[in-house]
Amino acid sequence: DMSYSTIRYEVQDGISLLTLHRPDAMNAFTTQMGEEMADAFDASDADPSVRAMVVTGEGRAFCAGADLSLGAETFNAVATAQAEGELVDTDPQWRDFGGRLNLRIFDSEKPVVAAINGATMILPMDARVALAGAKFALPFTKRGIAWDGCASWFLPRLVGVEAALDWGLSGRTFLAEEALARGLVSELQDTPEAVLERALARARLFVKDTAPVSVAMNRRLLWRMLGASHPMEAHRLESRAILHRGMSPDAAEGVTSFLEKRTPNFPGQVPADYPAGWPWDTDPQY
């Protein structure tokens, strides 16, 4: 078992549960938490017994967003570099740490369900269950900063450009009910316990009677294609994917179990049986 200081990570019945654990600070996100979460995603992807992940927060606050005390450290470092005439704004050391984490979540090979009300961290996840009455905000304009967590890419793809502009330019606080109506969250529950329970149920839906390799490939392909310029890109990758899957024991089991009217037992595992190099595109290096 890995020891973390800002999160907890456990695996039960094929689902890994990642719990943000800074209850003293309402689970506010820090650089260390981002690094520990990325490490947990690495562990989840590498573990064939893990089929899906649920991310939640300890206690009532789930996640209070970025720990604003961090900003001071970052900007002090920036100010020092600036004073010494060494500030290069394209230097990777200044990359947004929330964005680094979201790129890691984007690259997850297992589906991820959020049982958490953090505004940008939930964007690259595959289903989001929220607490009724919970407050959300994308308050960048009200703090004099700008988008983080690659939100300018993820948010309009989830909720459309009008809602993204509304929330992102005004920086206003809005409730979970509005988040649900506009597609930011998938569903609401009345208690934190029910939120977590429902998120686990959503994760199990991704796992039940499905082939792990097919789930991993479909998840990654769908997210990737949100940035494709033409359906031909999807056609090329899908053609290769279905060719590889069609030759696999999973495809034979899928057909046989259907004809025999029984639950499938797919032999393929992630990452061992994942096609090499999938999705066969030039992944950005970071």
Protein backbone atom coordinates (compact mmCIF):
# COMPACT_ATOMS: atom_id res chain seq x y z
CA ASP A 1 0.00 0.00 0.00
CA MET A 2 1.31 3.44 -0.93
CA SER A 3 1.58 6.07 1.77
CA TYR A 4 0.34 9.52 0.79
CA SER A 5 -0.09 12.56 3.01
CA THR A 6 -2.78 14.52 1.08
CA ILE A 7 -4.89 11.68 -0.36
CA ARG A 8 -5.98 8.14 0.45
CA TYR A 9 -6.02 5.40 -2.17
CA GLU A 10 -7.69 2.01 -1.85
CA VAL A 11 -8.97 -0.71 -4.19
CA GLN A 12 -12.17 -2.69 -3.56
CA ASP A 13 -13.98 -5.04 -5.95
CA GLY A 14 -12.31 -3.69 -9.08
CA ILE A 15 -12.90 -0.01 -8.22
CA SER A 16 -10.13 2.24 -6.90
CA LEU A 17 -11.23 4.97 -4.53
CA LEU A 18 -9.08 8.11 -4.40
CA THR A 19 -10.02 10.35 -1.47
CA LEU A 20 -8.72 13.91 -1.16
CA HIS A 21 -7.55 14.06 2.44
CA ARG A 22 -6.70 17.56 3.70
CA PRO A 23 -9.70 17.96 6.01
CA ASP A 24 -7.95 20.76 7.92
CA ALA A 25 -7.97 22.84 4.70
CA MET A 26 -11.29 21.65 3.19
CA ASN A 27 -9.23 19.40 0.88
CA ALA A 28 -7.94 22.44 -1.01
CA PHE A 29 -5.73 21.40 -3.90
CA THR A 30 -1.95 21.78 -3.60
CA THR A 31 1.02 20.89 -5.80
CA GLN A 32 1.77 17.91 -3.54
CA MET A 33 -1.84 16.72 -3.82
CA GLY A 34 -1.56 16.97 -7.61
CA GLU A 35 1.62 14.89 -7.60
CA GLU A 36 0.13 12.28 -5.25
CA MET A 37 -3.06 12.08 -7.35
CA ALA A 38 -1.03 11.63 -10.54
CA ASP A 39 0.89 8.84 -8.81
CA ALA A 40 -2.42 7.18 -7.81
CA PHE A 41 -3.59 7.37 -11.45
CA ASP A 42 -0.34 5.67 -12.48
CA ALA A 43 -1.02 2.94 -9.90
CA SER A 44 -4.62 2.55 -11.09
CA ASP A 45 -3.63 2.29 -14.77
CA ALA A 46 -0.91 -0.25 -14.02
CA ASP A 47 -3.15 -2.49 -11.87
CA PRO A 48 -5.18 -4.96 -13.97
CA SER A 49 -7.52 -5.58 -11.01
CA VAL A 50 -8.65 -1.92 -11.18
CA ARG A 51 -11.43 -1.38 -13.73
CA ALA A 52 -12.57 2.14 -12.82
CA MET A 53 -11.78 4.92 -10.36
CA VAL A 54 -13.93 7.11 -8.12
CA VAL A 55 -12.53 10.41 -6.81
CA THR A 56 -14.05 11.92 -3.68
CA GLY A 57 -13.13 14.20 -0.78
CA GLU A 58 -12.97 13.57 2.95
CA GLY A 59 -15.79 15.15 4.93
CA ARG A 60 -18.30 17.76 3.85
CA ALA A 61 -16.21 20.08 1.69
CA PHE A 62 -15.09 17.62 -1.02
CA CYS A 63 -12.62 20.15 -2.47
CA ALA A 64 -12.46 23.88 -1.87
CA GLY A 65 -10.55 24.44 -5.14
CA ALA A 66 -6.92 25.52 -5.34
CA ASP A 67 -5.27 26.37 -2.05
CA LEU A 68 -4.88 30.12 -2.53
CA SER A 69 -1.88 30.17 -0.20
CA LEU A 70 -0.06 28.33 -3.02
CA GLY A 71 -0.51 31.23 -5.39
CA ALA A 72 1.76 33.35 -3.22
CA GLU A 73 4.59 30.78 -3.49
CA THR A 74 4.25 30.48 -7.25
CA PHE A 75 4.03 34.20 -7.83
CA ASN A 76 6.94 34.87 -5.45
CA ALA A 77 9.05 32.51 -7.56
CA VAL A 78 7.83 34.29 -10.70
CA ALA A 79 8.61 37.71 -9.20
CA THR A 80 12.14 36.57 -8.32
CA ALA A 81 12.74 35.26 -11.86
CA GLN A 82 11.33 38.49 -13.27
CA ALA A 83 13.55 40.65 -11.06
CA GLU A 84 16.59 38.68 -12.20
CA GLY A 85 15.53 39.11 -15.83
CA GLU A 86 15.09 35.34 -16.24
CA LEU A 87 11.31 35.00 -16.69
CA VAL A 88 10.47 32.98 -19.81
CA ASP A 89 6.71 32.42 -19.88
CA THR A 90 7.05 29.31 -22.09
CA ASP A 91 9.35 27.56 -19.60
CA PRO A 92 7.65 24.26 -18.57
CA GLN A 93 8.42 24.96 -14.89
CA TRP A 94 5.61 27.52 -14.91
CA ARG A 95 3.02 25.08 -16.29
CA ASP A 96 -0.27 25.17 -14.39
CA PHE A 97 -0.21 22.31 -11.86
CA GLY A 98 -3.99 21.89 -12.08
CA GLY A 99 -3.61 21.51 -15.82
CA ARG A 100 -0.88 18.90 -15.40
CA LEU A 101 -3.20 16.87 -13.19
CA ASN A 102 -6.13 17.22 -15.61
CA LEU A 103 -3.95 16.09 -18.51
CA ARG A 104 -3.09 13.01 -16.41
CA ILE A 105 -6.79 12.36 -15.73
CA PHE A 106 -7.48 12.86 -19.47
CA ASP A 107 -4.88 10.15 -20.18
CA SER A 108 -6.38 7.65 -17.70
CA GLU A 109 -6.91 4.20 -19.17
CA LYS A 110 -9.68 3.48 -16.67
CA PRO A 111 -12.99 5.41 -16.48
CA VAL A 112 -13.11 8.00 -13.70
CA VAL A 113 -16.22 9.09 -11.78
CA ALA A 114 -16.30 12.25 -9.65
CA ALA A 115 -18.08 12.29 -6.31
CA ILE A 116 -16.71 15.74 -5.72
CA ASN A 117 -17.59 19.41 -6.17
CA GLY A 118 -14.30 20.88 -7.37
CA ALA A 119 -14.89 22.93 -10.48
CA THR A 120 -11.96 22.20 -12.80
CA MET A 121 -10.72 18.83 -11.52
CA ILE A 122 -14.02 17.15 -12.44
CA LEU A 123 -13.91 18.28 -16.10
CA PRO A 124 -11.83 15.41 -17.59
CA MET A 125 -13.74 12.76 -15.63
CA ASP A 126 -16.36 10.48 -17.21
CA ALA A 127 -19.34 11.04 -14.89
CA ARG A 128 -19.93 13.57 -12.12
CA VAL A 129 -22.24 13.08 -9.13
CA ALA A 130 -22.79 16.19 -6.97
CA LEU A 131 -24.43 17.09 -3.70
CA ALA A 132 -27.78 18.91 -4.07
CA GLY A 133 -27.36 22.55 -3.07
CA ALA A 134 -23.56 22.46 -3.38
CA LYS A 135 -21.90 25.63 -4.62
CA PHE A 136 -19.72 25.80 -7.71
CA ALA A 137 -17.64 28.59 -9.18
CA LEU A 138 -15.03 29.20 -11.84
CA PRO A 139 -13.93 32.42 -10.12
CA PHE A 140 -10.83 33.27 -12.17
CA THR A 141 -11.99 36.72 -13.31
CA LYS A 142 -12.93 37.63 -9.75
CA ARG A 143 -9.41 36.73 -8.56
CA GLY A 144 -7.70 38.62 -11.39
CA ILE A 145 -6.26 35.42 -12.87
CA ALA A 146 -7.18 33.17 -15.83
CA TRP A 147 -8.47 29.66 -16.55
CA ASP A 148 -6.57 26.75 -15.05
CA GLY A 149 -6.83 22.97 -15.37
CA CYS A 150 -7.19 23.20 -19.18
CA ALA A 151 -10.74 24.38 -18.40
CA SER A 152 -10.93 26.51 -21.56
CA TRP A 153 -10.67 23.25 -23.54
CA PHE A 154 -12.76 20.92 -21.35
CA LEU A 155 -15.57 23.18 -20.14
CA PRO A 156 -17.15 24.24 -23.48
CA ARG A 157 -16.99 20.63 -24.67
CA LEU A 158 -19.02 19.57 -21.62
CA VAL A 159 -21.53 22.42 -21.33
CA GLY A 160 -21.33 24.36 -24.60
CA VAL A 161 -19.70 27.72 -25.22
CA GLU A 162 -22.55 29.88 -23.85
CA ALA A 163 -22.58 28.31 -20.37
CA ALA A 164 -18.76 28.27 -20.34
CA LEU A 165 -18.69 32.01 -21.13
CA ASP A 166 -21.40 32.75 -18.56
CA TRP A 167 -19.57 31.02 -15.71
CA GLY A 168 -16.04 31.80 -16.87
CA LEU A 169 -16.44 35.53 -17.53
CA SER A 170 -18.72 36.38 -14.59
CA GLY A 171 -16.87 34.16 -12.11
CA ARG A 172 -20.18 33.92 -10.26
CA THR A 173 -21.11 31.22 -7.76
CA PHE A 174 -23.89 28.87 -8.88
CA LEU A 175 -25.62 25.89 -7.33
CA ALA A 176 -25.46 22.19 -8.19
CA GLU A 177 -28.98 22.41 -9.62
CA GLU A 178 -27.79 24.85 -12.30
CA ALA A 179 -24.70 22.71 -12.87
CA LEU A 180 -27.03 19.75 -13.51
CA ALA A 181 -29.36 21.69 -15.82
CA ARG A 182 -26.42 22.87 -17.95
CA GLY A 183 -24.57 19.55 -18.06
CA LEU A 184 -21.62 20.21 -15.76
CA VAL A 185 -22.72 17.36 -13.47
CA SER A 186 -24.52 14.13 -14.37
CA GLU A 187 -26.80 13.81 -11.34
CA LEU A 188 -27.45 15.03 -7.80
CA GLN A 189 -27.83 13.25 -4.47
CA ASP A 190 -29.02 14.59 -1.10
CA THR A 191 -26.20 13.48 1.22
CA PRO A 192 -22.42 13.09 0.85
CA GLU A 193 -22.84 9.35 1.59
CA ALA A 194 -25.38 9.03 -1.23
CA VAL A 195 -23.09 10.97 -3.59
CA LEU A 196 -20.26 8.50 -2.99
CA GLU A 197 -22.58 5.48 -3.18
CA ARG A 198 -24.02 6.68 -6.50
CA ALA A 199 -20.55 7.46 -7.90
CA LEU A 200 -19.46 3.89 -7.05
CA ALA A 201 -22.62 2.59 -8.77
CA ARG A 202 -21.81 4.67 -11.87
CA ALA A 203 -18.27 3.25 -11.88
CA ARG A 204 -19.64 -0.29 -11.61
CA LEU A 205 -21.81 0.33 -14.69
CA PHE A 206 -18.61 0.95 -16.69
CA VAL A 207 -17.22 -2.33 -15.36
CA LYS A 208 -20.17 -4.75 -15.44
CA ASP A 209 -20.05 -7.21 -18.37
CA THR A 210 -17.64 -5.02 -20.33
CA ALA A 211 -14.21 -5.85 -21.79
CA PRO A 212 -11.56 -3.78 -19.95
CA VAL A 213 -9.47 -3.18 -23.09
CA SER A 214 -12.54 -2.06 -25.06
CA VAL A 215 -13.54 0.35 -22.27
CA ALA A 216 -10.02 1.81 -22.13
CA MET A 217 -9.81 2.25 -25.90
CA ASN A 218 -13.31 3.74 -26.24
CA ARG A 219 -12.73 6.18 -23.39
CA ARG A 220 -9.47 7.42 -24.78
CA LEU A 221 -10.74 7.62 -28.36
CA LEU A 222 -13.83 9.62 -27.43
CA TRP A 223 -11.86 12.22 -25.45
CA ARG A 224 -9.20 12.45 -28.18
CA MET A 225 -11.78 12.97 -30.92
CA LEU A 226 -13.19 16.06 -29.18
CA GLY A 227 -10.18 17.86 -30.64
CA ALA A 228 -10.18 16.18 -34.07
CA SER A 229 -10.58 18.39 -37.12
CA HIS A 230 -12.48 15.89 -39.31
CA PRO A 231 -14.45 12.63 -38.85
CA MET A 232 -11.84 10.96 -41.08
CA GLU A 233 -9.51 11.01 -38.04
CA ALA A 234 -12.07 8.97 -36.11
CA HIS A 235 -12.61 6.65 -39.09
CA ARG A 236 -8.89 5.86 -39.36
CA LEU A 237 -8.41 5.19 -35.65
CA GLU A 238 -11.70 3.27 -35.24
CA SER A 239 -10.85 1.09 -38.26
CA ARG A 240 -7.52 0.11 -36.70
CA ALA A 241 -9.04 -0.29 -33.25
CA ILE A 242 -11.83 -2.59 -34.40
CA LEU A 243 -9.34 -4.61 -36.46
CA HIS A 244 -7.18 -5.23 -33.38
CA ARG A 245 -10.17 -5.87 -31.13
CA GLY A 246 -11.79 -8.17 -33.72
CA MET A 247 -8.72 -10.42 -33.68
CA SER A 248 -8.69 -10.61 -29.89
CA PRO A 249 -10.04 -13.38 -27.61
CA ASP A 250 -12.33 -10.71 -26.13
CA ALA A 251 -14.26 -10.41 -29.40
CA ALA A 252 -14.70 -14.20 -29.60
CA GLU A 253 -15.93 -14.26 -25.98
CA GLY A 254 -18.29 -11.33 -26.65
CA VAL A 255 -20.00 -13.16 -29.51
CA THR A 256 -19.96 -16.61 -27.86
CA SER A 257 -21.40 -15.35 -24.55
CA PHE A 258 -24.14 -13.49 -26.44
CA LEU A 259 -25.12 -16.60 -28.42
CA GLU A 260 -24.98 -18.78 -25.30
CA LYS A 261 -27.03 -16.18 -23.36
CA ARG A 262 -24.51 -16.00 -20.51
CA THR A 263 -22.44 -13.33 -18.77
CA PRO A 264 -19.20 -12.70 -20.67
CA ASN A 265 -15.86 -13.44 -19.05
CA PHE A 266 -13.38 -11.31 -20.99
CA PRO A 267 -9.74 -12.46 -20.70
CA GLY A 268 -8.12 -9.18 -21.84
CA GLN A 269 -6.66 -6.90 -19.16
CA VAL A 270 -5.40 -3.33 -18.96
CA PRO A 271 -2.58 -2.51 -19.36
CA ALA A 272 -1.20 -5.93 -20.45
CA ASP A 273 -3.45 -6.44 -23.48
CA TYR A 274 -3.69 -2.82 -24.58
CA PRO A 275 -2.49 -2.47 -28.22
CA ALA A 276 1.03 -1.03 -28.28
CA GLY A 277 1.12 2.71 -28.90
CA TRP A 278 -2.66 3.17 -28.79
CA PRO A 279 -4.17 5.56 -29.74
CA TRP A 280 -1.39 5.69 -32.36
CA ASP A 281 -1.25 9.44 -32.36
CA THR A 282 1.59 11.76 -31.45
CA ASP A 283 0.97 12.23 -27.75
CA PRO A 284 2.16 15.60 -26.44
CA GLN A 285 5.12 15.08 -24.13
CA TYR A 286 4.93 16.66 -20.70
